[in-house]
Each structure stands twice: as structure tokens, then as C-alpha cells.
Amino acid sequence: MANFVITYDVNGPRPSHKEMDDFLKALVANRGRILETVWWVDYRGTAAELRDRVKTILGPEDLLMVIEAKSAAWTKFLVDGNALVKAWANVA
């Protein structure tokens, strides 16, 4: 497993932000929202494979970036920072 950061902008009528949330929750078990449209996910595969999975829900006007993350530093998130630290340590 590897740590990835997914960030996106939904610019069309679909998917909604709720649909994106539900999609990412179904895609990976170990994940957390970092910022409004930024997620950390634990994914077994490459950044390109994860991008290809996520882009299946997006429209042609939507934007997406998937980054494999090896280390990180932060102040605070929308998710519990301690839970993120533990999850990060388990897959790093």
C-alpha cells in the first residue's frame, strides 16, 4: 500500500461533491478528507492506476491530480491528525 493525495475540482453538473465523497469512500477503506476537495488515501497500486479509477466518475470539464506522498507536514486538517499519522506510519 502507498499514501496518495487526491485533489480535484468538479466543474460540471455531475458528479456532485457528495457523489465524489461516496465514490472515494467505496474505492478505498483507509482514507480521510484533508481539505474540502483533497483526500489522503491508502491505495494498492500506482498513481496512474488510482487516477484512472477516479477519473471514471469525472466529466471532461473536471480536474484531477493524484500524488504519491512519501512524507508530509501539516498544521491541521478536517480529519483527526493523530489518525492520519497512525495510518501514514502503517503504510510508509
PDB file of N, CA and C in Angstrom:
ATOM      1  N   MET A   1       0.844  -1.175   0.000  1.00  0.00           N
ATOM      2  CA  MET A   1       0.000   0.000   0.000  1.00  0.00           C
ATOM      3  C   MET A   1       0.888   1.236   0.000  1.00  0.00           C
ATOM      4  N   ALA A   2       0.345   2.311  -0.516  1.00  0.00           N
ATOM      5  CA  ALA A   2       1.091   3.561  -0.572  1.00  0.00           C
ATOM      6  C   ALA A   2       0.157   4.720  -0.231  1.00  0.00           C
ATOM      7  N   ASN A   3       0.743   5.797   0.216  1.00  0.00           N
ATOM      8  CA  ASN A   3      -0.008   7.019   0.531  1.00  0.00           C
ATOM      9  C   ASN A   3      -0.157   7.863  -0.724  1.00  0.00           C
ATOM     10  N   PHE A   4      -1.376   8.281  -0.990  1.00  0.00           N
ATOM     11  CA  PHE A   4      -1.641   9.158  -2.116  1.00  0.00           C
ATOM     12  C   PHE A   4      -2.485  10.335  -1.658  1.00  0.00           C
ATOM     13  N   VAL A   5      -2.286  11.441  -2.309  1.00  0.00           N
ATOM     14  CA  VAL A   5      -3.139  12.607  -2.126  1.00  0.00           C
ATOM     15  C   VAL A   5      -3.904  12.784  -3.434  1.00  0.00           C
ATOM     16  N   ILE A   6      -5.215  12.873  -3.313  1.00  0.00           N
ATOM     17  CA  ILE A   6      -6.087  13.113  -4.457  1.00  0.00           C
ATOM     18  C   ILE A   6      -6.692  14.489  -4.284  1.00  0.00           C
ATOM     19  N   THR A   7      -6.610  15.307  -5.310  1.00  0.00           N
ATOM     20  CA  THR A   7      -7.265  16.606  -5.277  1.00  0.00           C
ATOM     21  C   THR A   7      -7.995  16.797  -6.597  1.00  0.00           C
ATOM     22  N   TYR A   8      -9.149  17.438  -6.533  1.00  0.00           N
ATOM     23  CA  TYR A   8      -9.980  17.566  -7.729  1.00  0.00           C
ATOM     24  C   TYR A   8     -10.836  18.818  -7.661  1.00  0.00           C
ATOM     25  N   ASP A   9     -11.282  19.253  -8.823  1.00  0.00           N
ATOM     26  CA  ASP A   9     -12.301  20.305  -8.969  1.00  0.00           C
ATOM     27  C   ASP A   9     -13.395  19.717  -9.833  1.00  0.00           C
ATOM     28  N   VAL A  10     -14.611  19.730  -9.326  1.00  0.00           N
ATOM     29  CA  VAL A  10     -15.752  19.291 -10.138  1.00  0.00           C
ATOM     30  C   VAL A  10     -16.407  20.549 -10.701  1.00  0.00           C
ATOM     31  N   ASN A  11     -16.438  20.654 -12.018  1.00  0.00           N
ATOM     32  CA  ASN A  11     -16.902  21.863 -12.686  1.00  0.00           C
ATOM     33  C   ASN A  11     -18.192  21.678 -13.470  1.00  0.00           C
ATOM     34  N   GLY A  12     -18.645  20.451 -13.611  1.00  0.00           N
ATOM     35  CA  GLY A  12     -19.877  20.172 -14.339  1.00  0.00           C
ATOM     36  C   GLY A  12     -21.007  19.836 -13.386  1.00  0.00           C
ATOM     37  N   PRO A  13     -22.140  19.443 -13.928  1.00  0.00           N
ATOM     38  CA  PRO A  13     -23.288  19.116 -13.091  1.00  0.00           C
ATOM     39  C   PRO A  13     -23.126  17.806 -12.330  1.00  0.00           C
ATOM     40  N   ARG A  14     -22.301  16.900 -12.834  1.00  0.00           N
ATOM     41  CA  ARG A  14     -22.061  15.620 -12.185  1.00  0.00           C
ATOM     42  C   ARG A  14     -20.575  15.308 -12.278  1.00  0.00           C
ATOM     43  N   PRO A  15     -19.957  14.748 -11.333  1.00  0.00           N
ATOM     44  CA  PRO A  15     -20.544  14.313 -10.078  1.00  0.00           C
ATOM     45  C   PRO A  15     -20.686  15.483  -9.105  1.00  0.00           C
ATOM     46  N   SER A  16     -21.568  15.311  -8.168  1.00  0.00           N
ATOM     47  CA  SER A  16     -21.677  16.282  -7.084  1.00  0.00           C
ATOM     48  C   SER A  16     -20.551  16.004  -6.089  1.00  0.00           C
ATOM     49  N   HIS A  17     -20.351  16.914  -5.158  1.00  0.00           N
ATOM     50  CA  HIS A  17     -19.341  16.672  -4.119  1.00  0.00           C
ATOM     51  C   HIS A  17     -19.729  15.457  -3.287  1.00  0.00           C
ATOM     52  N   LYS A  18     -20.988  15.266  -3.019  1.00  0.00           N
ATOM     53  CA  LYS A  18     -21.457  14.094  -2.267  1.00  0.00           C
ATOM     54  C   LYS A  18     -21.159  12.815  -3.040  1.00  0.00           C
ATOM     55  N   GLU A  19     -21.393  12.834  -4.351  1.00  0.00           N
ATOM     56  CA  GLU A  19     -21.091  11.653  -5.168  1.00  0.00           C
ATOM     57  C   GLU A  19     -19.590  11.347  -5.154  1.00  0.00           C
ATOM     58  N   MET A  20     -18.758  12.377  -5.200  1.00  0.00           N
ATOM     59  CA  MET A  20     -17.307  12.164  -5.103  1.00  0.00           C
ATOM     60  C   MET A  20     -16.947  11.565  -3.754  1.00  0.00           C
ATOM     61  N   ASP A  21     -17.517  12.108  -2.678  1.00  0.00           N
ATOM     62  CA  ASP A  21     -17.260  11.567  -1.340  1.00  0.00           C
ATOM     63  C   ASP A  21     -17.614  10.092  -1.283  1.00  0.00           C
ATOM     64  N   ASP A  22     -18.807   9.753  -1.753  1.00  0.00           N
ATOM     65  CA  ASP A  22     -19.278   8.365  -1.714  1.00  0.00           C
ATOM     66  C   ASP A  22     -18.388   7.463  -2.572  1.00  0.00           C
ATOM     67  N   PHE A  23     -17.969   7.953  -3.732  1.00  0.00           N
ATOM     68  CA  PHE A  23     -17.105   7.185  -4.623  1.00  0.00           C
ATOM     69  C   PHE A  23     -15.775   6.867  -3.942  1.00  0.00           C
ATOM     70  N   LEU A  24     -15.147   7.877  -3.350  1.00  0.00           N
ATOM     71  CA  LEU A  24     -13.846   7.658  -2.706  1.00  0.00           C
ATOM     72  C   LEU A  24     -13.972   6.762  -1.481  1.00  0.00           C
ATOM     73  N   LYS A  25     -15.062   6.890  -0.745  1.00  0.00           N
ATOM     74  CA  LYS A  25     -15.280   6.018   0.410  1.00  0.00           C
ATOM     75  C   LYS A  25     -15.445   4.572  -0.016  1.00  0.00           C
ATOM     76  N   ALA A  26     -16.082   4.335  -1.156  1.00  0.00           N
ATOM     77  CA  ALA A  26     -16.259   2.975  -1.665  1.00  0.00           C
ATOM     78  C   ALA A  26     -14.975   2.439  -2.308  1.00  0.00           C
ATOM     79  N   LEU A  27     -14.155   3.316  -2.841  1.00  0.00           N
ATOM     80  CA  LEU A  27     -12.941   2.919  -3.551  1.00  0.00           C
ATOM     81  C   LEU A  27     -11.874   2.375  -2.610  1.00  0.00           C
ATOM     82  N   VAL A  28     -11.665   3.043  -1.485  1.00  0.00           N
ATOM     83  CA  VAL A  28     -10.608   2.649  -0.552  1.00  0.00           C
ATOM     84  C   VAL A  28     -11.125   2.682   0.881  1.00  0.00           C
ATOM     85  N   ALA A  29     -10.710   1.697   1.665  1.00  0.00           N
ATOM     86  CA  ALA A  29     -11.166   1.614   3.048  1.00  0.00           C
ATOM     87  C   ALA A  29     -10.448   2.610   3.951  1.00  0.00           C
ATOM     88  N   ASN A  30      -9.166   2.804   3.704  1.00  0.00           N
ATOM     89  CA  ASN A  30      -8.355   3.655   4.568  1.00  0.00           C
ATOM     90  C   ASN A  30      -8.128   4.981   3.856  1.00  0.00           C
ATOM     91  N   ARG A  31      -8.868   6.005   4.271  1.00  0.00           N
ATOM     92  CA  ARG A  31      -8.801   7.310   3.625  1.00  0.00           C
ATOM     93  C   ARG A  31      -9.320   8.373   4.577  1.00  0.00           C
ATOM     94  N   GLY A  32      -9.077   9.618   4.220  1.00  0.00           N
ATOM     95  CA  GLY A  32      -9.594  10.730   5.005  1.00  0.00           C
ATOM     96  C   GLY A  32      -9.557  12.011   4.211  1.00  0.00           C
ATOM     97  N   ARG A  33     -10.555  12.831   4.436  1.00  0.00           N
ATOM     98  CA  ARG A  33     -10.591  14.131   3.782  1.00  0.00           C
ATOM     99  C   ARG A  33      -9.621  15.048   4.507  1.00  0.00           C
ATOM    100  N   ILE A  34      -8.702  15.644   3.749  1.00  0.00           N
ATOM    101  CA  ILE A  34      -7.725  16.567   4.315  1.00  0.00           C
ATOM    102  C   ILE A  34      -8.274  17.982   4.264  1.00  0.00           C
ATOM    103  N   LEU A  35      -8.712  18.386   3.092  1.00  0.00           N
ATOM    104  CA  LEU A  35      -9.337  19.687   2.868  1.00  0.00           C
ATOM    105  C   LEU A  35     -10.604  19.442   2.055  1.00  0.00           C
ATOM    106  N   GLU A  36     -11.316  20.461   1.680  1.00  0.00           N
ATOM    107  CA  GLU A  36     -12.629  20.282   1.055  1.00  0.00           C
ATOM    108  C   GLU A  36     -12.619  19.317  -0.134  1.00  0.00           C
ATOM    109  N   THR A  37     -11.699  19.455  -1.060  1.00  0.00           N
ATOM    110  CA  THR A  37     -11.629  18.541  -2.200  1.00  0.00           C
ATOM    111  C   THR A  37     -10.242  17.913  -2.305  1.00  0.00           C
ATOM    112  N   VAL A  38      -9.659  17.620  -1.160  1.00  0.00           N
ATOM    113  CA  VAL A  38      -8.359  16.963  -1.079  1.00  0.00           C
ATOM    114  C   VAL A  38      -8.490  15.793  -0.120  1.00  0.00           C
ATOM    115  N   TRP A  39      -8.112  14.615  -0.582  1.00  0.00           N
ATOM    116  CA  TRP A  39      -8.207  13.398   0.222  1.00  0.00           C
ATOM    117  C   TRP A  39      -6.852  12.720   0.319  1.00  0.00           C
ATOM    118  N   TRP A  40      -6.601  12.093   1.462  1.00  0.00           N
ATOM    119  CA  TRP A  40      -5.499  11.158   1.613  1.00  0.00           C
ATOM    120  C   TRP A  40      -6.104   9.765   1.482  1.00  0.00           C
ATOM    121  N   VAL A  41      -5.454   8.895   0.696  1.00  0.00           N
ATOM    122  CA  VAL A  41      -5.917   7.521   0.565  1.00  0.00           C
ATOM    123  C   VAL A  41      -4.744   6.566   0.631  1.00  0.00           C
ATOM    124  N   ASP A  42      -4.999   5.405   1.149  1.00  0.00           N
ATOM    125  CA  ASP A  42      -4.061   4.294   1.192  1.00  0.00           C
ATOM    126  C   ASP A  42      -4.493   3.376   0.053  1.00  0.00           C
ATOM    127  N   TYR A  43      -3.665   3.251  -0.974  1.00  0.00           N
ATOM    128  CA  TYR A  43      -4.086   2.539  -2.189  1.00  0.00           C
ATOM    129  C   TYR A  43      -3.017   1.555  -2.637  1.00  0.00           C
ATOM    130  N   ARG A  44      -3.442   0.386  -3.030  1.00  0.00           N
ATOM    131  CA  ARG A  44      -2.539  -0.638  -3.533  1.00  0.00           C
ATOM    132  C   ARG A  44      -2.478  -0.484  -5.049  1.00  0.00           C
ATOM    133  N   GLY A  45      -1.481   0.196  -5.532  1.00  0.00           N
ATOM    134  CA  GLY A  45      -1.340   0.452  -6.959  1.00  0.00           C
ATOM    135  C   GLY A  45      -0.532   1.711  -7.177  1.00  0.00           C
ATOM    136  N   THR A  46      -0.477   2.155  -8.420  1.00  0.00           N
ATOM    137  CA  THR A  46       0.303   3.336  -8.768  1.00  0.00           C
ATOM    138  C   THR A  46      -0.584   4.579  -8.810  1.00  0.00           C
ATOM    139  N   ALA A  47       0.065   5.725  -8.895  1.00  0.00           N
ATOM    140  CA  ALA A  47      -0.673   6.982  -9.028  1.00  0.00           C
ATOM    141  C   ALA A  47      -1.504   6.972 -10.310  1.00  0.00           C
ATOM    142  N   ALA A  48      -0.936   6.450 -11.387  1.00  0.00           N
ATOM    143  CA  ALA A  48      -1.666   6.398 -12.663  1.00  0.00           C
ATOM    144  C   ALA A  48      -2.878   5.473 -12.567  1.00  0.00           C
ATOM    145  N   GLU A  49      -2.730   4.349 -11.883  1.00  0.00           N
ATOM    146  CA  GLU A  49      -3.864   3.428 -11.711  1.00  0.00           C
ATOM    147  C   GLU A  49      -4.964   4.070 -10.871  1.00  0.00           C
ATOM    148  N   LEU A  50      -4.566   4.762  -9.813  1.00  0.00           N
ATOM    149  CA  LEU A  50      -5.551   5.447  -8.974  1.00  0.00           C
ATOM    150  C   LEU A  50      -6.235   6.561  -9.756  1.00  0.00           C
ATOM    151  N   ARG A  51      -5.460   7.331 -10.515  1.00  0.00           N
ATOM    152  CA  ARG A  51      -6.037   8.372 -11.370  1.00  0.00           C
ATOM    153  C   ARG A  51      -7.072   7.779 -12.317  1.00  0.00           C
ATOM    154  N   ASP A  52      -6.733   6.675 -12.938  1.00  0.00           N
ATOM    155  CA  ASP A  52      -7.646   6.056 -13.891  1.00  0.00           C
ATOM    156  C   ASP A  52      -8.930   5.582 -13.218  1.00  0.00           C
ATOM    157  N   ARG A  53      -8.830   5.102 -11.995  1.00  0.00           N
ATOM    158  CA  ARG A  53     -10.038   4.684 -11.258  1.00  0.00           C
ATOM    159  C   ARG A  53     -10.915   5.891 -10.930  1.00  0.00           C
ATOM    160  N   VAL A  54     -10.286   6.963 -10.432  1.00  0.00           N
ATOM    161  CA  VAL A  54     -11.057   8.143 -10.010  1.00  0.00           C
ATOM    162  C   VAL A  54     -11.662   8.858 -11.214  1.00  0.00           C
ATOM    163  N   LYS A  55     -10.947   8.919 -12.309  1.00  0.00           N
ATOM    164  CA  LYS A  55     -11.458   9.679 -13.451  1.00  0.00           C
ATOM    165  C   LYS A  55     -12.690   9.044 -14.086  1.00  0.00           C
ATOM    166  N   THR A  56     -13.006   7.805 -13.731  1.00  0.00           N
ATOM    167  CA  THR A  56     -14.202   7.169 -14.280  1.00  0.00           C
ATOM    168  C   THR A  56     -15.483   7.872 -13.845  1.00  0.00           C
ATOM    169  N   ILE A  57     -15.466   8.566 -12.728  1.00  0.00           N
ATOM    170  CA  ILE A  57     -16.646   9.273 -12.242  1.00  0.00           C
ATOM    171  C   ILE A  57     -16.678  10.727 -12.710  1.00  0.00           C
ATOM    172  N   LEU A  58     -15.553  11.239 -13.205  1.00  0.00           N
ATOM    173  CA  LEU A  58     -15.445  12.654 -13.563  1.00  0.00           C
ATOM    174  C   LEU A  58     -15.892  12.924 -14.996  1.00  0.00           C
ATOM    175  N   GLY A  59     -16.319  14.150 -15.223  1.00  0.00           N
ATOM    176  CA  GLY A  59     -16.666  14.594 -16.562  1.00  0.00           C
ATOM    177  C   GLY A  59     -15.473  15.240 -17.238  1.00  0.00           C
ATOM    178  N   PRO A  60     -15.592  15.554 -18.532  1.00  0.00           N
ATOM    179  CA  PRO A  60     -14.461  16.129 -19.275  1.00  0.00           C
ATOM    180  C   PRO A  60     -14.057  17.520 -18.787  1.00  0.00           C
ATOM    181  N   GLU A  61     -14.929  18.225 -18.095  1.00  0.00           N
ATOM    182  CA  GLU A  61     -14.623  19.558 -17.599  1.00  0.00           C
ATOM    183  C   GLU A  61     -14.005  19.552 -16.196  1.00  0.00           C
ATOM    184  N   ASP A  62     -13.933  18.372 -15.569  1.00  0.00           N
ATOM    185  CA  ASP A  62     -13.415  18.263 -14.208  1.00  0.00           C
ATOM    186  C   ASP A  62     -11.897  18.120 -14.209  1.00  0.00           C
ATOM    187  N   LEU A  63     -11.278  18.477 -13.095  1.00  0.00           N
ATOM    188  CA  LEU A  63      -9.827  18.446 -12.941  1.00  0.00           C
ATOM    189  C   LEU A  63      -9.449  17.447 -11.851  1.00  0.00           C
ATOM    190  N   LEU A  64      -8.307  16.804 -12.001  1.00  0.00           N
ATOM    191  CA  LEU A  64      -7.887  15.777 -11.055  1.00  0.00           C
ATOM    192  C   LEU A  64      -6.370  15.716 -10.994  1.00  0.00           C
ATOM    193  N   MET A  65      -5.842  15.557  -9.790  1.00  0.00           N
ATOM    194  CA  MET A  65      -4.413  15.310  -9.607  1.00  0.00           C
ATOM    195  C   MET A  65      -4.263  14.247  -8.523  1.00  0.00           C
ATOM    196  N   VAL A  66      -3.403  13.267  -8.796  1.00  0.00           N
ATOM    197  CA  VAL A  66      -3.091  12.211  -7.835  1.00  0.00           C
ATOM    198  C   VAL A  66      -1.592  12.251  -7.594  1.00  0.00           C
ATOM    199  N   ILE A  67      -1.198  12.327  -6.330  1.00  0.00           N
ATOM    200  CA  ILE A  67       0.205  12.457  -5.959  1.00  0.00           C
ATOM    201  C   ILE A  67       0.565  11.338  -4.992  1.00  0.00           C
ATOM    202  N   GLU A  68       1.639  10.599  -5.277  1.00  0.00           N
ATOM    203  CA  GLU A  68       2.134   9.646  -4.294  1.00  0.00           C
ATOM    204  C   GLU A  68       2.950  10.429  -3.279  1.00  0.00           C
ATOM    205  N   ALA A  69       2.620  10.258  -2.014  1.00  0.00           N
ATOM    206  CA  ALA A  69       3.243  11.053  -0.954  1.00  0.00           C
ATOM    207  C   ALA A  69       4.160  10.178  -0.104  1.00  0.00           C
ATOM    208  N   LYS A  70       5.399  10.577   0.002  1.00  0.00           N
ATOM    209  CA  LYS A  70       6.385   9.841   0.804  1.00  0.00           C
ATOM    210  C   LYS A  70       6.539  10.424   2.208  1.00  0.00           C
ATOM    211  N   SER A  71       6.306  11.724   2.339  1.00  0.00           N
ATOM    212  CA  SER A  71       6.370  12.360   3.657  1.00  0.00           C
ATOM    213  C   SER A  71       5.438  13.564   3.640  1.00  0.00           C
ATOM    214  N   ALA A  72       5.144  14.072   4.831  1.00  0.00           N
ATOM    215  CA  ALA A  72       4.215  15.203   4.910  1.00  0.00           C
ATOM    216  C   ALA A  72       4.427  15.964   6.215  1.00  0.00           C
ATOM    217  N   ALA A  73       3.989  17.201   6.204  1.00  0.00           N
ATOM    218  CA  ALA A  73       3.967  18.036   7.408  1.00  0.00           C
ATOM    219  C   ALA A  73       2.733  18.914   7.304  1.00  0.00           C
ATOM    220  N   TRP A  74       2.084  19.195   8.417  1.00  0.00           N
ATOM    221  CA  TRP A  74       0.845  19.965   8.370  1.00  0.00           C
ATOM    222  C   TRP A  74       0.582  20.649   9.693  1.00  0.00           C
ATOM    223  N   THR A  75      -0.410  21.510   9.682  1.00  0.00           N
ATOM    224  CA  THR A  75      -0.859  22.155  10.912  1.00  0.00           C
ATOM    225  C   THR A  75      -2.123  21.498  11.412  1.00  0.00           C
ATOM    226  N   LYS A  76      -3.186  21.495  10.615  1.00  0.00           N
ATOM    227  CA  LYS A  76      -4.410  20.799  10.997  1.00  0.00           C
ATOM    228  C   LYS A  76      -5.228  20.489   9.752  1.00  0.00           C
ATOM    229  N   PHE A  77      -6.088  19.494   9.884  1.00  0.00           N
ATOM    230  CA  PHE A  77      -6.914  19.021   8.777  1.00  0.00           C
ATOM    231  C   PHE A  77      -8.364  18.939   9.223  1.00  0.00           C
ATOM    232  N   LEU A  78      -9.199  18.566   8.274  1.00  0.00           N
ATOM    233  CA  LEU A  78     -10.594  18.284   8.592  1.00  0.00           C
ATOM    234  C   LEU A  78     -10.732  16.917   9.251  1.00  0.00           C
ATOM    235  N   VAL A  79      -9.721  16.051   9.088  1.00  0.00           N
ATOM    236  CA  VAL A  79      -9.735  14.738   9.729  1.00  0.00           C
ATOM    237  C   VAL A  79      -8.871  14.795  10.985  1.00  0.00           C
ATOM    238  N   ASP A  80      -8.994  13.810  11.829  1.00  0.00           N
ATOM    239  CA  ASP A  80      -8.192  13.709  13.043  1.00  0.00           C
ATOM    240  C   ASP A  80      -6.729  13.511  12.652  1.00  0.00           C
ATOM    241  N   GLY A  81      -5.887  14.467  13.009  1.00  0.00           N
ATOM    242  CA  GLY A  81      -4.479  14.401  12.651  1.00  0.00           C
ATOM    243  C   GLY A  81      -3.776  13.177  13.216  1.00  0.00           C
ATOM    244  N   ASN A  82      -4.134  12.757  14.424  1.00  0.00           N
ATOM    245  CA  ASN A  82      -3.497  11.580  15.017  1.00  0.00           C
ATOM    246  C   ASN A  82      -3.840  10.316  14.244  1.00  0.00           C
ATOM    247  N   ALA A  83      -5.077  10.209  13.782  1.00  0.00           N
ATOM    248  CA  ALA A  83      -5.468   9.048  12.983  1.00  0.00           C
ATOM    249  C   ALA A  83      -4.686   9.020  11.672  1.00  0.00           C
ATOM    250  N   LEU A  84      -4.478  10.179  11.086  1.00  0.00           N
ATOM    251  CA  LEU A  84      -3.721  10.246   9.845  1.00  0.00           C
ATOM    252  C   LEU A  84      -2.270   9.851  10.078  1.00  0.00           C
ATOM    253  N   VAL A  85      -1.680  10.313  11.166  1.00  0.00           N
ATOM    254  CA  VAL A  85      -0.288   9.960  11.487  1.00  0.00           C
ATOM    255  C   VAL A  85      -0.155   8.452  11.635  1.00  0.00           C
ATOM    256  N   LYS A  86      -1.076   7.818  12.353  1.00  0.00           N
ATOM    257  CA  LYS A  86      -1.024   6.358  12.549  1.00  0.00           C
ATOM    258  C   LYS A  86      -1.179   5.629  11.232  1.00  0.00           C
ATOM    259  N   ALA A  87      -2.130   6.041  10.423  1.00  0.00           N
ATOM    260  CA  ALA A  87      -2.359   5.379   9.142  1.00  0.00           C
ATOM    261  C   ALA A  87      -1.140   5.563   8.236  1.00  0.00           C
ATOM    262  N   TRP A  88      -0.604   6.759   8.225  1.00  0.00           N
ATOM    263  CA  TRP A  88       0.577   7.060   7.387  1.00  0.00           C
ATOM    264  C   TRP A  88       1.743   6.156   7.799  1.00  0.00           C
ATOM    265  N   ALA A  89       1.961   6.028   9.106  1.00  0.00           N
ATOM    266  CA  ALA A  89       3.077   5.220   9.609  1.00  0.00           C
ATOM    267  C   ALA A  89       2.909   3.749   9.244  1.00  0.00           C
ATOM    268  N   ASN A  90       1.668   3.275   9.183  1.00  0.00           N
ATOM    269  CA  ASN A  90       1.412   1.874   8.880  1.00  0.00           C
ATOM    270  C   ASN A  90       1.744   1.516   7.441  1.00  0.00           C
ATOM    271  N   VAL A  91       1.688   2.464   6.526  1.00  0.00           N
ATOM    272  CA  VAL A  91       1.931   2.138   5.123  1.00  0.00           C
ATOM    273  C   VAL A  91       3.226   2.726   4.595  1.00  0.00           C
ATOM    274  N   ALA A  92       3.854   3.598   5.360  1.00  0.00           N
ATOM    275  CA  ALA A  92       5.090   4.241   4.879  1.00  0.00           C
ATOM    276  C   ALA A  92       6.258   3.285   4.948  1.00  0.00           C
TER     277      ALA A  92
END
